[in-house]
Amino acid sequence: MRADEKTNGKREPNLIVVVADLMPKTTSAALLEPGQWVAHPDCPDWGDGQVQSVVGSRVTVNFENRGKVLINTDHVDLVVID
């Protein structure tokens, strides 16, 4: 039996869900620059943080409730706050 025979000869439209539009924006260090606001996905209690410096994959972020933290973006995908 063909797929279109199951629906009485009518073809159903293909549904495509773009998951990327539903997910928070994560980024690598290459796309970060000082002054941007980010959040740590695993530590929401740290609050929002402002990027202080970016050197390779190492990003220094000053978080509201944690202070300055050096983050390796090879291991953590920071979420950019719009």
N, C-alpha and C. Protein backbone atom coordinates (compact mmCIF):
# COMPACT_ATOMS: atom_id res chain seq x y z
N MET A 1 0.84 -1.18 0.00
CA MET A 1 0.00 0.00 0.00
C MET A 1 0.88 1.24 0.00
N ARG A 2 0.62 2.17 -0.87
CA ARG A 2 1.38 3.42 -0.95
C ARG A 2 0.89 4.39 0.12
N ALA A 3 1.74 5.34 0.46
CA ALA A 3 1.40 6.31 1.51
C ALA A 3 0.17 7.12 1.16
N ASP A 4 0.01 7.50 -0.13
CA ASP A 4 -1.14 8.32 -0.50
C ASP A 4 -2.44 7.51 -0.53
N GLU A 5 -2.35 6.19 -0.58
CA GLU A 5 -3.55 5.37 -0.53
C GLU A 5 -4.13 5.33 0.89
N LYS A 6 -3.30 5.53 1.90
CA LYS A 6 -3.75 5.53 3.28
C LYS A 6 -4.62 6.74 3.59
N THR A 7 -4.48 7.79 2.85
CA THR A 7 -5.23 9.03 3.11
C THR A 7 -6.26 9.27 2.02
N ASN A 8 -6.81 8.20 1.47
CA ASN A 8 -7.84 8.30 0.42
C ASN A 8 -7.36 9.08 -0.80
N GLY A 9 -6.12 8.90 -1.16
CA GLY A 9 -5.59 9.54 -2.35
C GLY A 9 -5.11 10.97 -2.15
N LYS A 10 -5.37 11.54 -0.97
CA LYS A 10 -4.92 12.91 -0.70
C LYS A 10 -3.56 12.85 -0.02
N ARG A 11 -2.70 13.70 -0.47
CA ARG A 11 -1.38 13.76 0.14
C ARG A 11 -1.40 14.75 1.28
N GLU A 12 -0.90 14.32 2.40
CA GLU A 12 -0.82 15.19 3.57
C GLU A 12 0.44 16.05 3.44
N PRO A 13 0.34 17.30 3.84
CA PRO A 13 1.54 18.15 3.78
C PRO A 13 2.58 17.68 4.79
N ASN A 14 3.83 17.83 4.43
CA ASN A 14 4.91 17.50 5.36
C ASN A 14 5.01 18.62 6.39
N LEU A 15 5.12 18.24 7.64
CA LEU A 15 5.27 19.22 8.70
C LEU A 15 6.73 19.28 9.10
N ILE A 16 7.24 20.48 9.12
CA ILE A 16 8.64 20.69 9.51
C ILE A 16 8.64 21.60 10.73
N VAL A 17 9.25 21.16 11.79
CA VAL A 17 9.37 21.97 12.99
C VAL A 17 10.83 22.41 13.09
N VAL A 18 11.01 23.68 13.19
CA VAL A 18 12.36 24.22 13.31
C VAL A 18 12.67 24.34 14.80
N VAL A 19 13.41 23.37 15.30
CA VAL A 19 13.71 23.32 16.73
C VAL A 19 14.65 24.44 17.13
N ALA A 20 15.52 24.85 16.25
CA ALA A 20 16.48 25.90 16.58
C ALA A 20 15.79 27.19 17.00
N ASP A 21 14.63 27.48 16.45
CA ASP A 21 13.92 28.70 16.82
C ASP A 21 13.32 28.61 18.21
N LEU A 22 13.18 27.40 18.75
CA LEU A 22 12.58 27.20 20.05
C LEU A 22 13.62 27.14 21.16
N MET A 23 14.87 26.96 20.81
CA MET A 23 15.93 26.79 21.79
C MET A 23 16.58 28.13 22.11
N PRO A 24 17.14 28.26 23.33
CA PRO A 24 17.89 29.48 23.65
C PRO A 24 19.10 29.60 22.74
N LYS A 25 19.53 30.81 22.52
CA LYS A 25 20.69 31.04 21.67
C LYS A 25 21.96 30.75 22.45
N THR A 26 22.68 29.73 22.03
CA THR A 26 23.97 29.43 22.64
C THR A 26 25.05 29.83 21.66
N THR A 27 26.24 30.05 22.17
CA THR A 27 27.28 30.57 21.29
C THR A 27 28.65 30.08 21.72
N SER A 28 29.56 30.09 20.78
CA SER A 28 30.94 29.76 21.09
C SER A 28 31.68 31.07 21.38
N ALA A 29 32.86 30.96 21.91
CA ALA A 29 33.64 32.14 22.26
C ALA A 29 33.92 33.03 21.06
N ALA A 30 34.01 32.44 19.88
CA ALA A 30 34.32 33.22 18.68
C ALA A 30 33.25 34.26 18.39
N LEU A 31 32.02 34.04 18.86
CA LEU A 31 30.93 34.97 18.60
C LEU A 31 30.69 35.92 19.76
N LEU A 32 31.41 35.75 20.86
CA LEU A 32 31.23 36.62 22.02
C LEU A 32 32.21 37.78 21.97
N GLU A 33 31.79 38.88 22.56
CA GLU A 33 32.69 40.03 22.67
C GLU A 33 32.40 40.76 23.97
N PRO A 34 33.40 41.46 24.51
CA PRO A 34 33.21 42.18 25.76
C PRO A 34 32.00 43.12 25.69
N GLY A 35 31.26 43.13 26.80
CA GLY A 35 30.07 43.98 26.88
C GLY A 35 28.77 43.22 26.67
N GLN A 36 28.82 42.06 26.01
CA GLN A 36 27.60 41.28 25.80
C GLN A 36 27.12 40.68 27.13
N TRP A 37 25.81 40.47 27.22
CA TRP A 37 25.21 39.86 28.39
C TRP A 37 24.89 38.40 28.09
N VAL A 38 25.23 37.53 29.03
CA VAL A 38 25.04 36.10 28.86
C VAL A 38 24.50 35.48 30.15
N ALA A 39 24.08 34.22 30.04
CA ALA A 39 23.69 33.44 31.21
C ALA A 39 24.35 32.08 31.11
N HIS A 40 24.66 31.50 32.26
CA HIS A 40 25.22 30.14 32.29
C HIS A 40 24.05 29.18 32.36
N PRO A 41 23.91 28.25 31.40
CA PRO A 41 22.74 27.38 31.34
C PRO A 41 22.60 26.44 32.54
N ASP A 42 23.70 26.10 33.20
CA ASP A 42 23.65 25.17 34.33
C ASP A 42 23.64 25.86 35.69
N CYS A 43 23.76 27.19 35.69
CA CYS A 43 23.84 27.93 36.96
C CYS A 43 22.95 29.17 36.91
N PRO A 44 21.64 29.00 36.83
CA PRO A 44 20.75 30.17 36.73
C PRO A 44 20.81 31.07 37.96
N ASP A 45 21.20 30.52 39.12
CA ASP A 45 21.29 31.32 40.33
C ASP A 45 22.43 32.33 40.29
N TRP A 46 23.35 32.20 39.33
CA TRP A 46 24.41 33.18 39.16
C TRP A 46 23.88 34.50 38.62
N GLY A 47 22.71 34.47 37.99
CA GLY A 47 22.15 35.66 37.38
C GLY A 47 22.75 35.93 36.02
N ASP A 48 22.43 37.09 35.49
CA ASP A 48 22.99 37.50 34.20
C ASP A 48 24.43 37.92 34.38
N GLY A 49 25.22 37.75 33.32
CA GLY A 49 26.63 38.11 33.40
C GLY A 49 27.06 38.91 32.18
N GLN A 50 28.01 39.80 32.41
CA GLN A 50 28.54 40.61 31.30
C GLN A 50 29.93 40.09 30.94
N VAL A 51 30.12 39.84 29.65
CA VAL A 51 31.42 39.36 29.17
C VAL A 51 32.46 40.45 29.37
N GLN A 52 33.57 40.06 30.03
CA GLN A 52 34.66 41.00 30.30
C GLN A 52 35.79 40.87 29.28
N SER A 53 36.11 39.61 28.93
CA SER A 53 37.18 39.38 27.95
C SER A 53 36.99 38.02 27.29
N VAL A 54 37.57 37.90 26.09
CA VAL A 54 37.52 36.65 25.34
C VAL A 54 38.91 36.39 24.79
N VAL A 55 39.50 35.25 25.18
CA VAL A 55 40.81 34.84 24.68
C VAL A 55 40.69 33.38 24.26
N GLY A 56 40.64 33.15 22.96
CA GLY A 56 40.43 31.79 22.46
C GLY A 56 39.07 31.28 22.93
N SER A 57 39.07 30.13 23.59
CA SER A 57 37.81 29.57 24.08
C SER A 57 37.55 29.94 25.54
N ARG A 58 38.41 30.81 26.09
CA ARG A 58 38.26 31.22 27.49
C ARG A 58 37.58 32.58 27.56
N VAL A 59 36.48 32.62 28.30
CA VAL A 59 35.68 33.84 28.41
C VAL A 59 35.55 34.20 29.88
N THR A 60 35.90 35.43 30.23
CA THR A 60 35.70 35.91 31.60
C THR A 60 34.38 36.65 31.63
N VAL A 61 33.51 36.22 32.57
CA VAL A 61 32.19 36.81 32.69
C VAL A 61 32.00 37.28 34.13
N ASN A 62 31.46 38.49 34.30
CA ASN A 62 31.14 39.02 35.62
C ASN A 62 29.64 38.81 35.87
N PHE A 63 29.31 37.79 36.67
CA PHE A 63 27.91 37.48 36.96
C PHE A 63 27.40 38.29 38.14
N GLU A 64 26.11 38.64 38.10
CA GLU A 64 25.49 39.47 39.14
C GLU A 64 25.62 38.86 40.53
N ASN A 65 25.40 37.55 40.65
CA ASN A 65 25.37 36.91 41.97
C ASN A 65 26.53 35.98 42.24
N ARG A 66 27.54 35.99 41.37
CA ARG A 66 28.68 35.08 41.53
C ARG A 66 30.03 35.81 41.40
N GLY A 67 30.03 36.93 40.71
CA GLY A 67 31.28 37.63 40.46
C GLY A 67 31.94 37.15 39.18
N LYS A 68 33.25 37.41 39.07
CA LYS A 68 33.97 37.04 37.85
C LYS A 68 34.27 35.55 37.82
N VAL A 69 33.97 34.96 36.66
CA VAL A 69 34.20 33.52 36.46
C VAL A 69 34.85 33.33 35.10
N LEU A 70 35.89 32.51 35.05
CA LEU A 70 36.54 32.16 33.80
C LEU A 70 35.87 30.90 33.27
N ILE A 71 35.30 30.96 32.07
CA ILE A 71 34.54 29.85 31.50
C ILE A 71 35.19 29.38 30.22
N ASN A 72 35.36 28.07 30.11
CA ASN A 72 35.88 27.47 28.89
C ASN A 72 34.68 27.10 28.02
N THR A 73 34.51 27.80 26.92
CA THR A 73 33.35 27.58 26.06
C THR A 73 33.45 26.30 25.23
N ASP A 74 34.57 25.57 25.36
CA ASP A 74 34.63 24.24 24.77
C ASP A 74 33.75 23.28 25.58
N HIS A 75 33.45 23.66 26.83
CA HIS A 75 32.69 22.79 27.72
C HIS A 75 31.33 23.37 28.11
N VAL A 76 31.17 24.68 27.98
CA VAL A 76 29.92 25.34 28.36
C VAL A 76 29.46 26.25 27.23
N ASP A 77 28.21 26.09 26.81
CA ASP A 77 27.62 26.98 25.80
C ASP A 77 26.83 28.06 26.53
N LEU A 78 27.41 29.24 26.62
CA LEU A 78 26.73 30.36 27.27
C LEU A 78 25.51 30.77 26.43
N VAL A 79 24.49 31.26 27.12
CA VAL A 79 23.28 31.70 26.46
C VAL A 79 23.32 33.22 26.35
N VAL A 80 23.25 33.73 25.13
CA VAL A 80 23.29 35.18 24.91
C VAL A 80 21.93 35.76 25.24
N ILE A 81 21.94 36.84 26.02
CA ILE A 81 20.71 37.52 26.40
C ILE A 81 20.51 38.69 25.46
N ASP A 82 19.35 38.73 24.82
CA ASP A 82 19.05 39.81 23.86
C ASP A 82 18.69 41.09 24.57
